Amino acid sequence: MASDDVDVSELTMDPGSLYREEVFTDRRAGTIRVLAPVKPDGGPDPSREVAYVGEAQMLTPAGVLPLAFEIEATSLREATEKFAAGAQAAAERMVKELQELRREAASSLIVPGRMPPDLRGGLGGLPGPGGLRGGGKLQLP
């Protein structure tokens, strides 16, 4: 199998975890997806709870980022009432994740004085100046 081929044998659906989906929107703030559990025959499954998922978009300097968040609710009305709080919490999580990614990217920069010994020498781990792996005594600023 080529590296870009998809192994579809892993894409199996669980008949015990099926949901019917309905989408509601006010065409302004976002959407609420109502996921009603169903049995494998498509009939209602009262043994599982209905799930509510809110979706909104956050405008950033880099563009629009999608937000998706679960809403703890027992009805569509309750989900609409809790939508704003869920969107706010999702936006705050997104900002924290972006800040963490930015910190990780900044800390992964290779600074010459902090290079691991096997990278201070020549290219590809070949001996650098002085013939020793890691180079001579010359340190880059």
C-alpha atoms as a PDB file:
ATOM      1  CA  MET A   1       0.000   0.000   0.000  1.00  0.00           C
ATOM      2  CA  ALA A   2       1.371   3.411  -0.940  1.00  0.00           C
ATOM      3  CA  SER A   3       1.908   5.939   1.846  1.00  0.00           C
ATOM      4  CA  ASP A   4      -0.888   8.157   0.544  1.00  0.00           C
ATOM      5  CA  ASP A   5      -3.466   5.340   0.317  1.00  0.00           C
ATOM      6  CA  VAL A   6      -6.227   5.295   2.914  1.00  0.00           C
ATOM      7  CA  ASP A   7      -6.893   2.088   4.801  1.00  0.00           C
ATOM      8  CA  VAL A   8     -10.690   2.006   4.599  1.00  0.00           C
ATOM      9  CA  SER A   9     -10.897  -1.180   6.683  1.00  0.00           C
ATOM     10  CA  GLU A  10     -10.572   1.062   9.767  1.00  0.00           C
ATOM     11  CA  LEU A  11     -13.530   3.231   8.690  1.00  0.00           C
ATOM     12  CA  THR A  12     -16.251   1.037  10.133  1.00  0.00           C
ATOM     13  CA  MET A  13     -19.392   2.489  11.693  1.00  0.00           C
ATOM     14  CA  ASP A  14     -20.628   1.306  15.073  1.00  0.00           C
ATOM     15  CA  PRO A  15     -24.335   0.447  14.689  1.00  0.00           C
ATOM     16  CA  GLY A  16     -24.796   0.927  18.451  1.00  0.00           C
ATOM     17  CA  SER A  17     -23.639   4.554  18.284  1.00  0.00           C
ATOM     18  CA  LEU A  18     -25.848   5.973  15.553  1.00  0.00           C
ATOM     19  CA  TYR A  19     -27.482   9.412  15.755  1.00  0.00           C
ATOM     20  CA  ARG A  20     -29.963  11.290  13.598  1.00  0.00           C
ATOM     21  CA  GLU A  21     -28.810  14.855  13.095  1.00  0.00           C
ATOM     22  CA  GLU A  22     -30.892  17.999  12.793  1.00  0.00           C
ATOM     23  CA  VAL A  23     -29.381  21.437  12.306  1.00  0.00           C
ATOM     24  CA  PHE A  24     -30.935  24.633  13.656  1.00  0.00           C
ATOM     25  CA  THR A  25     -29.652  28.144  12.985  1.00  0.00           C
ATOM     26  CA  ASP A  26     -30.670  31.733  13.556  1.00  0.00           C
ATOM     27  CA  ARG A  27     -28.494  32.663  10.523  1.00  0.00           C
ATOM     28  CA  ARG A  28     -26.593  35.112  12.729  1.00  0.00           C
ATOM     29  CA  ALA A  29     -24.805  33.632  15.743  1.00  0.00           C
ATOM     30  CA  GLY A  30     -24.269  30.068  14.587  1.00  0.00           C
ATOM     31  CA  THR A  31     -25.862  26.652  14.525  1.00  0.00           C
ATOM     32  CA  ILE A  32     -26.963  24.005  16.966  1.00  0.00           C
ATOM     33  CA  ARG A  33     -26.773  20.397  15.892  1.00  0.00           C
ATOM     34  CA  VAL A  34     -29.212  18.134  17.681  1.00  0.00           C
ATOM     35  CA  LEU A  35     -27.984  14.550  17.693  1.00  0.00           C
ATOM     36  CA  ALA A  36     -30.842  12.177  18.525  1.00  0.00           C
ATOM     37  CA  PRO A  37     -29.723   8.611  19.273  1.00  0.00           C
ATOM     38  CA  VAL A  38     -31.222   5.929  17.061  1.00  0.00           C
ATOM     39  CA  LYS A  39     -31.156   2.142  16.973  1.00  0.00           C
ATOM     40  CA  PRO A  40     -29.601   0.337  13.995  1.00  0.00           C
ATOM     41  CA  ASP A  41     -33.059   0.183  12.373  1.00  0.00           C
ATOM     42  CA  GLY A  42     -33.379   3.990  12.541  1.00  0.00           C
ATOM     43  CA  GLY A  43     -35.943   4.042  15.344  1.00  0.00           C
ATOM     44  CA  PRO A  44     -35.452   6.216  18.456  1.00  0.00           C
ATOM     45  CA  ASP A  45     -33.076   4.885  21.127  1.00  0.00           C
ATOM     46  CA  PRO A  46     -34.424   6.171  24.469  1.00  0.00           C
ATOM     47  CA  SER A  47     -31.593   4.492  26.400  1.00  0.00           C
ATOM     48  CA  ARG A  48     -29.152   7.235  25.285  1.00  0.00           C
ATOM     49  CA  GLU A  49     -29.356  10.994  25.715  1.00  0.00           C
ATOM     50  CA  VAL A  50     -29.800  13.574  22.975  1.00  0.00           C
ATOM     51  CA  ALA A  51     -26.604  15.561  22.376  1.00  0.00           C
ATOM     52  CA  TYR A  52     -26.447  19.266  21.492  1.00  0.00           C
ATOM     53  CA  VAL A  53     -23.419  20.675  19.663  1.00  0.00           C
ATOM     54  CA  GLY A  54     -22.972  24.388  19.053  1.00  0.00           C
ATOM     55  CA  GLU A  55     -21.005  25.759  16.127  1.00  0.00           C
ATOM     56  CA  ALA A  56     -19.832  29.317  15.590  1.00  0.00           C
ATOM     57  CA  GLN A  57     -16.958  31.178  13.953  1.00  0.00           C
ATOM     58  CA  MET A  58     -14.310  33.368  15.516  1.00  0.00           C
ATOM     59  CA  LEU A  59     -12.790  36.165  13.452  1.00  0.00           C
ATOM     60  CA  THR A  60      -9.021  36.489  13.979  1.00  0.00           C
ATOM     61  CA  PRO A  61      -6.274  38.447  12.226  1.00  0.00           C
ATOM     62  CA  ALA A  62      -5.315  35.161  10.527  1.00  0.00           C
ATOM     63  CA  GLY A  63      -8.860  34.561   9.288  1.00  0.00           C
ATOM     64  CA  VAL A  64     -12.011  32.833  10.438  1.00  0.00           C
ATOM     65  CA  LEU A  65     -11.627  29.895  12.830  1.00  0.00           C
ATOM     66  CA  PRO A  66     -14.464  27.429  13.401  1.00  0.00           C
ATOM     67  CA  LEU A  67     -15.610  26.734  16.946  1.00  0.00           C
ATOM     68  CA  ALA A  68     -17.478  23.574  17.911  1.00  0.00           C
ATOM     69  CA  PHE A  69     -18.609  22.846  21.458  1.00  0.00           C
ATOM     70  CA  GLU A  70     -20.952  20.548  23.323  1.00  0.00           C
ATOM     71  CA  ILE A  71     -23.849  22.169  25.117  1.00  0.00           C
ATOM     72  CA  GLU A  72     -25.101  20.526  28.293  1.00  0.00           C
ATOM     73  CA  ALA A  73     -28.866  20.758  27.777  1.00  0.00           C
ATOM     74  CA  THR A  74     -32.026  18.693  27.871  1.00  0.00           C
ATOM     75  CA  SER A  75     -33.954  20.630  25.209  1.00  0.00           C
ATOM     76  CA  LEU A  76     -33.377  22.782  22.159  1.00  0.00           C
ATOM     77  CA  ARG A  77     -34.637  25.828  24.088  1.00  0.00           C
ATOM     78  CA  GLU A  78     -32.105  25.231  26.854  1.00  0.00           C
ATOM     79  CA  ALA A  79     -29.356  24.716  24.260  1.00  0.00           C
ATOM     80  CA  THR A  80     -30.163  28.086  22.629  1.00  0.00           C
ATOM     81  CA  GLU A  81     -30.031  29.767  26.043  1.00  0.00           C
ATOM     82  CA  LYS A  82     -26.611  28.221  26.789  1.00  0.00           C
ATOM     83  CA  PHE A  83     -25.212  28.798  23.283  1.00  0.00           C
ATOM     84  CA  ALA A  84     -23.455  32.122  24.049  1.00  0.00           C
ATOM     85  CA  ALA A  85     -21.728  30.787  27.165  1.00  0.00           C
ATOM     86  CA  GLY A  86     -20.575  27.685  25.283  1.00  0.00           C
ATOM     87  CA  ALA A  87     -19.248  29.770  22.393  1.00  0.00           C
ATOM     88  CA  GLN A  88     -17.401  32.055  24.835  1.00  0.00           C
ATOM     89  CA  ALA A  89     -15.778  29.089  26.596  1.00  0.00           C
ATOM     90  CA  ALA A  90     -14.810  27.521  23.248  1.00  0.00           C
ATOM     91  CA  ALA A  91     -13.283  30.813  22.073  1.00  0.00           C
ATOM     92  CA  GLU A  92     -11.260  31.108  25.296  1.00  0.00           C
ATOM     93  CA  ARG A  93      -9.998  27.519  24.869  1.00  0.00           C
ATOM     94  CA  MET A  94      -9.057  28.285  21.256  1.00  0.00           C
ATOM     95  CA  VAL A  95      -7.095  31.403  22.278  1.00  0.00           C
ATOM     96  CA  LYS A  96      -5.202  29.406  24.940  1.00  0.00           C
ATOM     97  CA  GLU A  97      -4.420  26.643  22.430  1.00  0.00           C
ATOM     98  CA  LEU A  98      -3.180  29.177  19.876  1.00  0.00           C
ATOM     99  CA  GLN A  99      -0.980  30.843  22.510  1.00  0.00           C
ATOM    100  CA  GLU A 100       0.456  27.450  23.484  1.00  0.00           C
ATOM    101  CA  LEU A 101       1.142  26.580  19.841  1.00  0.00           C
ATOM    102  CA  ARG A 102       2.855  29.942  19.412  1.00  0.00           C
ATOM    103  CA  ARG A 103       5.022  29.287  22.506  1.00  0.00           C
ATOM    104  CA  GLU A 104       5.927  25.809  21.261  1.00  0.00           C
ATOM    105  CA  ALA A 105       6.844  27.145  17.827  1.00  0.00           C
ATOM    106  CA  ALA A 106       9.012  29.869  19.374  1.00  0.00           C
ATOM    107  CA  SER A 107      10.811  27.416  21.671  1.00  0.00           C
ATOM    108  CA  SER A 108      11.526  24.991  18.828  1.00  0.00           C
ATOM    109  CA  LEU A 109      13.761  27.493  17.041  1.00  0.00           C
ATOM    110  CA  ILE A 110      17.337  26.255  16.933  1.00  0.00           C
ATOM    111  CA  VAL A 111      19.667  28.759  18.549  1.00  0.00           C
ATOM    112  CA  PRO A 112      23.357  28.092  17.775  1.00  0.00           C
ATOM    113  CA  GLY A 113      24.461  28.181  21.434  1.00  0.00           C
ATOM    114  CA  ARG A 114      21.747  25.672  22.360  1.00  0.00           C
ATOM    115  CA  MET A 115      22.223  23.147  19.558  1.00  0.00           C
ATOM    116  CA  PRO A 116      22.616  19.537  20.669  1.00  0.00           C
ATOM    117  CA  PRO A 117      26.269  18.399  20.473  1.00  0.00           C
ATOM    118  CA  ASP A 118      25.666  16.131  17.457  1.00  0.00           C
ATOM    119  CA  LEU A 119      24.291  19.086  15.453  1.00  0.00           C
ATOM    120  CA  ARG A 120      27.123  21.555  16.206  1.00  0.00           C
ATOM    121  CA  GLY A 121      29.539  19.744  13.942  1.00  0.00           C
ATOM    122  CA  GLY A 122      29.347  19.500  10.192  1.00  0.00           C
ATOM    123  CA  LEU A 123      26.253  18.722   8.183  1.00  0.00           C
ATOM    124  CA  GLY A 124      24.414  15.486   8.807  1.00  0.00           C
ATOM    125  CA  GLY A 125      26.475  14.642  11.878  1.00  0.00           C
ATOM    126  CA  LEU A 126      29.759  14.640   9.937  1.00  0.00           C
ATOM    127  CA  PRO A 127      32.804  15.838  11.853  1.00  0.00           C
ATOM    128  CA  GLY A 128      33.101  19.595  12.058  1.00  0.00           C
ATOM    129  CA  PRO A 129      36.154  21.784  12.558  1.00  0.00           C
ATOM    130  CA  GLY A 130      38.789  19.993  14.612  1.00  0.00           C
ATOM    131  CA  GLY A 131      37.688  16.594  13.281  1.00  0.00           C
ATOM    132  CA  LEU A 132      35.532  15.754  16.317  1.00  0.00           C
ATOM    133  CA  ARG A 133      31.828  15.397  16.305  1.00  0.00           C
ATOM    134  CA  GLY A 134      30.472  18.553  17.837  1.00  0.00           C
ATOM    135  CA  GLY A 135      33.148  20.758  16.326  1.00  0.00           C
ATOM    136  CA  GLY A 136      36.123  22.480  17.848  1.00  0.00           C
ATOM    137  CA  LYS A 137      36.202  24.855  20.763  1.00  0.00           C
ATOM    138  CA  LEU A 138      34.732  27.699  18.755  1.00  0.00           C
ATOM    139  CA  GLN A 139      31.231  28.554  19.987  1.00  0.00           C
ATOM    140  CA  LEU A 140      28.826  30.606  17.930  1.00  0.00           C
ATOM    141  CA  PRO A 141      27.290  33.567  19.781  1.00  0.00           C
END
